[in-house]
C-alpha cells in the first residue's frame, strides 16, 4: 500500500474512533432512536436523487439498512446510554470481527484459518475478562451485553454487503440508509414519545447540530467513501488491520474529551482483546503482496 493510501486508511480509523465521542455528546441532547433516525435520513437524502441505485437485490439493501442502521446502532446507543463509555464501546464493537468469522463459515462456507481461530479465542477470552471487570466501574452487565449484541448485528449487516457482490460501496450505503429511518422513527414515537421528541428538537444546541453533522459528513460520507475506495483497490487483508486503530483512537478521545477513565483491570482486558484482533487480522505468512493494488475487472478488460 502506498504511503498516501496508508494515510487515508489511518484517517478512516481516526474518524471512526473519534465518532464514539461525538455520538456520546449527541445522545446528551437527543434520545437514541431520534438521533439515529435523523442521521440516516440525512445520509440518504438528498444523495439518493444523484447516486444511481446499486445493481443488487432490494432485499440486500433493506437487510443491510435494517441491521446496521436500526438494530446495530439502536443497541450501541442504548449501551452507551446505560453507562458504557465511548472508549470501551469502541473496542467491544470490534468483536464484530469474531462474529463475522463465525457467520462467514456457516453462511458463506468460508473456513477460518488456524491463525484466525487462535485470534478469535484470544479475543473471546478478553471479552470475558472485560465482563468480569465491569463491577469495578459500576457498569451493568446488561449494558455490556447490549454492545455485544450491536456487534453481532453489525457482523450480520456486513454479510448483506458481502452477498451484494461487486457494487459501488458508497452507493450501497446511501441507498440502504433509506430503510433505517422508518423503524427508528417508529420506535422514537412509541418509546421516547412525542413530547420528548419535540423538546429535544427545540432544545438542540450547537453541540447537537455538530454531532449530527460529524456522524453524517465525516463518519459516513467521507470515511465510508475512502474505505470503499481502499477496499476496491486493495485486498481486504491489507486494509482491515488499520481498523485496529479505531479502539485506540476511541479510548484516547474518550479520555481526553470526556474524561472517561477505565480501571487497570479493564485496560488490561481490552489489551487481551486487542491482541486477539491483531492475531486475527495481520497475515503471518512470510511472503505476501501488499504493494500493488488488486486489478479490477475494468483494468483487466482494458
Protein backbone atom coordinates (compact mmCIF):
# COMPACT_ATOMS: atom_id res chain seq x y z
CA UNK A 1 0.00 0.00 0.00
CA UNK A 2 1.37 3.42 -0.93
CA UNK A 3 2.09 5.99 1.76
CA UNK A 4 -0.81 8.21 0.63
CA UNK A 5 -3.26 5.32 0.80
CA UNK A 6 -1.89 4.23 4.17
CA UNK A 7 -2.52 7.75 5.47
CA UNK A 8 -6.07 7.60 4.09
CA UNK A 9 -6.66 4.28 5.89
CA UNK A 10 -5.37 5.83 9.11
CA UNK A 11 -7.68 8.82 8.56
CA UNK A 12 -10.69 6.49 8.36
CA UNK A 13 -9.70 4.87 11.67
CA UNK A 14 -9.28 8.28 13.31
CA UNK A 15 -12.69 9.50 12.13
CA UNK A 16 -14.48 6.32 13.19
CA UNK A 17 -12.66 6.20 16.53
CA UNK A 18 -13.49 9.81 17.38
CA UNK A 19 -17.07 9.17 16.23
CA UNK A 20 -17.79 7.34 19.50
CA UNK A 21 -17.12 10.54 21.44
CA UNK A 22 -19.34 12.52 19.06
CA UNK A 23 -22.17 10.01 19.47
CA UNK A 24 -21.87 10.23 23.25
CA UNK A 25 -22.21 14.03 23.06
CA UNK A 26 -25.13 13.80 20.65
CA UNK A 27 -27.01 11.44 22.97
CA UNK A 28 -26.88 14.14 25.66
CA UNK A 29 -29.25 16.24 23.53
CA UNK A 30 -31.27 13.68 21.57
CA UNK A 31 -32.83 10.33 22.50
CA UNK A 32 -31.24 7.39 20.74
CA UNK A 33 -33.93 6.49 18.18
CA UNK A 34 -34.46 10.10 17.15
CA UNK A 35 -30.71 10.64 16.79
CA UNK A 36 -30.31 7.52 14.65
CA UNK A 37 -33.38 8.28 12.55
CA UNK A 38 -32.18 11.81 11.76
CA UNK A 39 -28.70 10.54 10.96
CA UNK A 40 -29.75 8.01 8.33
CA UNK A 41 -32.43 10.25 6.86
CA UNK A 42 -29.80 12.88 6.12
CA UNK A 43 -27.27 10.26 4.97
CA UNK A 44 -29.71 9.08 2.29
CA UNK A 45 -31.49 12.30 1.34
CA UNK A 46 -30.81 14.07 -0.97
CA UNK A 47 -27.95 11.85 -2.24
CA UNK A 48 -30.30 9.12 -3.48
CA UNK A 49 -31.53 11.55 -6.13
CA UNK A 50 -28.00 11.90 -7.54
CA UNK A 51 -26.40 8.48 -6.96
CA UNK A 52 -27.60 5.53 -9.09
CA UNK A 53 -29.10 2.61 -7.20
CA UNK A 54 -26.60 -0.24 -6.89
CA UNK A 55 -27.34 -3.17 -9.19
CA UNK A 56 -28.25 -5.61 -6.46
CA UNK A 57 -31.31 -7.06 -4.75
CA UNK A 58 -33.66 -4.73 -2.89
CA UNK A 59 -33.69 -7.29 -0.08
CA UNK A 60 -29.95 -6.89 0.44
CA UNK A 61 -30.36 -3.12 0.65
CA UNK A 62 -33.24 -3.49 3.10
CA UNK A 63 -31.42 -6.11 5.17
CA UNK A 64 -28.24 -4.05 5.47
CA UNK A 65 -30.10 -0.85 6.27
CA UNK A 66 -32.26 -2.53 8.92
CA UNK A 67 -29.44 -4.49 10.58
CA UNK A 68 -26.86 -1.72 10.70
CA UNK A 69 -28.91 1.47 10.58
CA UNK A 70 -31.53 0.30 13.05
CA UNK A 71 -30.65 -2.76 15.16
CA UNK A 72 -26.88 -2.28 15.48
CA UNK A 73 -26.94 1.44 16.23
CA UNK A 74 -30.01 1.12 18.45
CA UNK A 75 -28.15 -1.38 20.63
CA UNK A 76 -24.94 0.66 20.59
CA UNK A 77 -26.73 3.87 21.58
CA UNK A 78 -28.67 2.05 24.30
CA UNK A 79 -25.49 0.58 25.76
CA UNK A 80 -23.84 3.99 25.83
CA UNK A 81 -26.93 5.47 27.46
CA UNK A 82 -26.67 2.79 30.15
CA UNK A 83 -23.13 3.82 31.05
CA UNK A 84 -20.69 2.14 28.66
CA UNK A 85 -18.01 4.72 27.90
CA UNK A 86 -17.19 5.78 24.36
CA UNK A 87 -13.73 4.22 24.64
CA UNK A 88 -14.97 0.88 25.92
CA UNK A 89 -17.70 0.82 23.26
CA UNK A 90 -15.12 1.31 20.52
CA UNK A 91 -13.17 -1.80 21.49
CA UNK A 92 -16.15 -4.04 22.30
CA UNK A 93 -17.68 -3.29 18.89
CA UNK A 94 -14.52 -4.54 17.17
CA UNK A 95 -15.61 -8.04 18.18
CA UNK A 96 -17.83 -7.92 15.11
CA UNK A 97 -14.73 -9.45 13.50
CA UNK A 98 -15.26 -12.51 15.70
CA UNK A 99 -18.93 -12.83 14.72
CA UNK A 100 -18.07 -12.21 11.07
CA UNK A 101 -15.63 -15.11 11.12
CA UNK A 102 -18.25 -17.50 12.52
CA UNK A 103 -21.03 -16.26 10.23
CA UNK A 104 -18.81 -16.45 7.16
CA UNK A 105 -18.08 -20.09 7.97
CA UNK A 106 -21.70 -21.17 8.36
CA UNK A 107 -23.38 -18.84 5.84
CA UNK A 108 -20.74 -18.32 3.14
CA UNK A 109 -18.84 -21.59 3.72
CA UNK A 110 -15.57 -19.73 4.23
CA UNK A 111 -13.40 -21.83 6.54
CA UNK A 112 -11.35 -19.90 9.11
CA UNK A 113 -7.61 -20.43 9.26
CA UNK A 114 -5.83 -21.71 12.37
CA UNK A 115 -4.46 -18.20 12.89
CA UNK A 116 -7.98 -16.73 12.83
CA UNK A 117 -9.26 -19.35 15.29
CA UNK A 118 -6.42 -18.53 17.69
CA UNK A 119 -7.11 -14.80 17.33
CA UNK A 120 -10.83 -15.24 17.94
CA UNK A 121 -10.18 -17.41 21.00
CA UNK A 122 -7.90 -14.76 22.49
CA UNK A 123 -10.50 -12.02 21.82
CA UNK A 124 -13.31 -14.06 23.40
CA UNK A 125 -11.14 -14.62 26.48
CA UNK A 126 -10.50 -10.86 26.58
CA UNK A 127 -14.22 -10.12 26.39
CA UNK A 128 -14.77 -12.44 29.33
CA UNK A 129 -12.15 -10.52 31.31
CA UNK A 130 -13.80 -7.22 30.32
CA UNK A 131 -17.14 -8.53 31.62
CA UNK A 132 -15.51 -9.54 34.92
CA UNK A 133 -14.02 -6.06 35.31
CA UNK A 134 -17.32 -4.17 34.94
CA UNK A 135 -18.27 -4.41 38.62
CA UNK A 136 -15.27 -2.24 39.48
CA UNK A 137 -16.62 0.54 37.24
CA UNK A 138 -20.29 0.43 38.23
CA UNK A 139 -21.22 -0.63 34.67
CA UNK A 140 -24.08 -3.09 34.35
CA UNK A 141 -23.62 -6.40 32.60
CA UNK A 142 -26.78 -5.66 30.60
CA UNK A 143 -25.13 -2.59 29.06
CA UNK A 144 -22.10 -4.68 28.13
CA UNK A 145 -24.35 -7.38 26.62
CA UNK A 146 -26.25 -4.82 24.53
CA UNK A 147 -23.00 -3.56 22.99
CA UNK A 148 -22.04 -7.17 22.19
CA UNK A 149 -25.44 -7.55 20.51
CA UNK A 150 -24.74 -4.40 18.47
CA UNK A 151 -21.51 -6.03 17.33
CA UNK A 152 -23.42 -9.14 16.22
CA UNK A 153 -25.91 -7.09 14.18
CA UNK A 154 -23.00 -5.20 12.59
CA UNK A 155 -21.46 -8.52 11.50
CA UNK A 156 -24.79 -9.69 10.06
CA UNK A 157 -25.11 -6.40 8.17
CA UNK A 158 -21.69 -6.96 6.63
CA UNK A 159 -22.91 -10.31 5.34
CA UNK A 160 -25.57 -8.50 3.31
CA UNK A 161 -22.84 -6.25 1.90
CA UNK A 162 -20.73 -9.30 1.04
CA UNK A 163 -23.67 -11.01 -0.67
CA UNK A 164 -24.28 -7.88 -2.75
CA UNK A 165 -21.09 -8.63 -4.65
CA UNK A 166 -19.16 -6.07 -6.66
CA UNK A 167 -21.24 -2.92 -6.27
CA UNK A 168 -20.46 0.70 -5.52
CA UNK A 169 -19.98 0.56 -1.74
CA UNK A 170 -20.82 4.20 -1.13
CA UNK A 171 -23.97 3.96 -3.25
CA UNK A 172 -24.94 0.80 -1.35
CA UNK A 173 -24.60 2.61 1.99
CA UNK A 174 -26.58 5.63 0.80
CA UNK A 175 -29.44 3.62 -0.69
CA UNK A 176 -29.61 1.13 2.20
CA UNK A 177 -29.86 4.09 4.59
CA UNK A 178 -33.35 4.72 3.19
CA UNK A 179 -34.60 1.74 5.19
CA UNK A 180 -33.16 2.76 8.57
CA UNK A 181 -35.13 5.95 9.43
CA UNK A 182 -38.66 4.47 9.44
CA UNK A 183 -38.09 1.81 12.17
CA UNK A 184 -36.06 4.34 14.17
CA UNK A 185 -38.78 6.99 13.98
CA UNK A 186 -41.50 4.44 14.84
CA UNK A 187 -39.57 3.39 17.96
CA UNK A 188 -38.89 7.02 18.78
CA UNK A 189 -42.62 7.78 18.65
CA UNK A 190 -43.71 4.83 20.80
CA UNK A 191 -40.71 4.54 23.16
CA UNK A 192 -39.48 8.11 23.53
CA UNK A 193 -42.78 9.91 22.99
CA UNK A 194 -43.76 12.99 21.02
CA UNK A 195 -43.15 15.31 23.96
CA UNK A 196 -39.53 14.21 24.31
CA UNK A 197 -39.03 14.38 20.55
CA UNK A 198 -40.36 17.95 20.31
CA UNK A 199 -38.45 19.06 23.41
CA UNK A 200 -35.20 17.58 22.06
CA UNK A 201 -35.58 19.22 18.65
CA UNK A 202 -36.48 22.59 20.15
CA UNK A 203 -33.62 22.42 22.63
CA UNK A 204 -30.86 21.45 20.20
CA UNK A 205 -27.70 23.47 20.72
CA UNK A 206 -24.61 23.80 18.57
CA UNK A 207 -23.34 20.60 20.21
CA UNK A 208 -26.32 18.62 18.93
CA UNK A 209 -26.12 20.04 15.40
CA UNK A 210 -22.35 19.50 15.31
CA UNK A 211 -22.78 15.87 16.42
CA UNK A 212 -25.27 15.21 13.62
CA UNK A 213 -23.05 16.93 11.08
CA UNK A 214 -19.99 14.88 12.09
CA UNK A 215 -21.67 11.46 12.06
CA UNK A 216 -23.23 12.22 8.66
CA UNK A 217 -20.46 14.06 6.82
CA UNK A 218 -17.25 12.74 8.38
CA UNK A 219 -18.13 9.31 9.79
CA UNK A 220 -20.39 8.23 6.92
CA UNK A 221 -19.81 10.18 3.72
CA UNK A 222 -16.06 10.83 3.95
CA UNK A 223 -14.85 7.81 5.93
CA UNK A 224 -17.29 5.50 4.15
CA UNK A 225 -16.21 6.69 0.70
CA UNK A 226 -12.49 6.40 1.49
CA UNK A 227 -12.94 2.93 2.98
CA UNK A 228 -14.93 1.78 -0.06
CA UNK A 229 -12.18 3.09 -2.36
CA UNK A 230 -9.40 1.32 -0.43
CA UNK A 231 -11.29 -1.99 -0.33
CA UNK A 232 -11.80 -1.74 -4.08
CA UNK A 233 -8.11 -1.03 -4.73
CA UNK A 234 -6.50 -3.43 -2.25
CA UNK A 235 -7.06 -6.81 -0.70
CA UNK A 236 -9.20 -6.72 2.49
CA UNK A 237 -6.28 -8.30 4.37
CA UNK A 238 -4.27 -5.16 3.59
CA UNK A 239 -6.98 -2.67 4.58
CA UNK A 240 -8.53 -4.45 7.59
CA UNK A 241 -5.58 -4.14 10.03
CA UNK A 242 -5.95 -0.37 10.05
CA UNK A 243 -9.32 -0.85 11.78
CA UNK A 244 -7.32 -1.85 14.86
CA UNK A 245 -6.52 1.84 15.29
CA UNK A 246 -10.23 2.58 15.91
CA UNK A 247 -10.39 1.42 19.57
CA UNK A 248 -7.09 3.15 20.32
CA UNK A 249 -8.42 6.45 18.97
CA UNK A 250 -11.78 5.82 20.66
CA UNK A 251 -10.30 5.23 24.10
CA UNK A 252 -7.82 8.11 23.82
CA UNK A 253 -10.54 10.51 22.63
CA UNK A 254 -12.91 9.35 25.36
CA UNK A 255 -10.24 10.04 27.98
CA UNK A 256 -9.16 13.42 26.54
CA UNK A 257 -12.55 14.94 25.65
CA UNK A 258 -14.95 13.22 28.08
CA UNK A 259 -12.67 12.42 30.98
CA UNK A 260 -13.69 8.76 30.87
CA UNK A 261 -11.28 6.65 32.86
CA UNK A 262 -11.06 2.86 32.90
CA UNK A 263 -9.73 0.64 35.65
CA UNK A 264 -6.35 -1.02 35.13
CA UNK A 265 -8.16 -4.37 35.06
CA UNK A 266 -10.41 -3.22 32.19
CA UNK A 267 -7.47 -1.72 30.29
CA UNK A 268 -5.59 -5.00 30.63
CA UNK A 269 -8.64 -6.97 29.46
CA UNK A 270 -9.06 -4.65 26.47
CA UNK A 271 -5.40 -5.26 25.71
CA UNK A 272 -6.10 -9.00 25.51
CA UNK A 273 -8.98 -8.34 23.09
CA UNK A 274 -6.72 -6.12 21.01
CA UNK A 275 -4.00 -8.79 20.84
CA UNK A 276 -6.60 -11.28 19.62
CA UNK A 277 -7.73 -8.86 16.91
CA UNK A 278 -4.11 -8.31 15.83
CA UNK A 279 -3.52 -12.06 15.58
CA UNK A 280 -6.75 -12.45 13.60
CA UNK A 281 -6.13 -9.57 11.19
CA UNK A 282 -2.43 -9.43 10.41
CA UNK A 283 -1.18 -12.03 7.92
CA UNK A 284 1.57 -14.18 9.36
CA UNK A 285 2.81 -15.57 6.07
CA UNK A 286 6.42 -14.84 5.23
CA UNK A 287 5.56 -13.77 1.72
CA UNK A 288 2.53 -11.73 0.81
CA UNK A 289 1.95 -8.93 -1.63
CA UNK A 290 0.72 -5.63 -0.30
CA UNK A 291 2.39 -3.10 -2.51
CA UNK A 292 0.32 -3.42 -5.67
CA UNK A 293 -3.39 -2.71 -5.88
CA UNK A 294 -5.65 -5.51 -7.00
CA UNK A 295 -6.56 -5.38 -10.66
CA UNK A 296 -10.22 -4.61 -11.04
CA UNK A 297 -12.35 -6.20 -13.73
CA UNK A 298 -12.27 -2.95 -15.68
CA UNK A 299 -8.47 -2.89 -15.71
CA UNK A 300 -8.27 -6.50 -16.84
CA UNK A 301 -10.71 -5.81 -19.63
CA UNK A 302 -8.64 -2.83 -20.71
